[in-house]
Amino acid sequence: MVSIVIAMLVILVLAGLVVLYVAYPHRGEDVPHTPWVGEAMRKGVDRLPTLDNQRQREHEHSDA
């Protein structure tokens, strides 16, 4: 029972972070009262392999 509660809390926290990212940093705005959270999210997303990042890398390699 405890493991289910912990798993649900982790899921809720991750869902909250996704909503927070989409509401602010993804649109180019700072998170109110905690701008460092938005900066950390932007840095994390920049490091993840997304379609936009891969397209930029392909263009960089084809230009060389």
Protein backbone atom coordinates (compact mmCIF):
# COMPACT_ATOMS: atom_id res chain seq x y z
CA MET A 1 0.00 0.00 0.00
CA VAL A 2 2.81 2.40 0.88
CA SER A 3 4.57 1.76 -2.43
CA ILE A 4 1.39 2.65 -4.33
CA VAL A 5 1.08 5.93 -2.43
CA ILE A 6 4.73 6.79 -3.09
CA ALA A 7 4.36 5.94 -6.78
CA MET A 8 1.26 8.13 -7.05
CA LEU A 9 3.07 11.04 -5.36
CA VAL A 10 5.98 10.72 -7.80
CA ILE A 11 3.55 10.67 -10.72
CA LEU A 12 1.76 13.78 -9.43
CA VAL A 13 5.05 15.66 -8.95
CA LEU A 14 6.20 14.80 -12.47
CA ALA A 15 2.84 15.84 -13.93
CA GLY A 16 3.03 19.12 -12.00
CA LEU A 17 6.50 19.81 -13.39
CA VAL A 18 5.30 19.19 -16.93
CA VAL A 19 2.36 21.56 -16.45
CA LEU A 20 4.65 24.18 -14.91
CA TYR A 21 7.10 23.89 -17.82
CA VAL A 22 4.38 24.20 -20.44
CA ALA A 23 2.77 27.14 -18.65
CA TYR A 24 5.93 29.25 -18.34
CA PRO A 25 9.40 28.36 -19.69
CA HIS A 26 8.14 26.73 -22.88
CA ARG A 27 6.41 30.01 -23.78
CA GLY A 28 9.52 32.02 -22.93
CA GLU A 29 8.26 33.46 -19.64
CA ASP A 30 9.81 33.30 -16.17
CA VAL A 31 8.16 31.27 -13.43
CA PRO A 32 6.66 33.73 -10.93
CA HIS A 33 8.47 33.97 -7.57
CA THR A 34 11.03 31.28 -8.56
CA PRO A 35 12.90 32.22 -11.76
CA TRP A 36 15.62 29.66 -10.98
CA VAL A 37 13.11 26.84 -11.55
CA GLY A 38 12.46 28.03 -15.09
CA GLU A 39 16.17 28.33 -15.80
CA ALA A 40 16.79 24.80 -14.50
CA MET A 41 13.96 23.45 -16.65
CA ARG A 42 15.28 25.19 -19.77
CA LYS A 43 18.78 23.77 -19.17
CA GLY A 44 17.36 20.29 -18.69
CA VAL A 45 15.26 20.44 -21.83
CA ASP A 46 18.19 21.77 -23.86
CA ARG A 47 20.19 18.68 -22.86
CA LEU A 48 17.44 16.20 -23.79
CA PRO A 49 17.42 14.74 -27.30
CA THR A 50 14.36 16.36 -28.87
CA LEU A 51 13.43 16.65 -32.53
CA ASP A 52 14.44 20.32 -32.63
CA ASN A 53 17.84 19.57 -31.09
CA GLN A 54 18.47 16.72 -33.53
CA ARG A 55 17.55 18.89 -36.52
CA GLN A 56 20.01 21.55 -35.35
CA ARG A 57 22.74 18.93 -34.95
CA GLU A 58 22.06 17.54 -38.43
CA HIS A 59 22.41 21.03 -39.92
CA GLU A 60 25.62 21.65 -37.98
CA HIS A 61 27.14 18.39 -39.22
CA SER A 62 26.05 18.92 -42.83
CA ASP A 63 27.54 22.44 -42.87
CA ALA A 64 30.96 21.18 -41.76
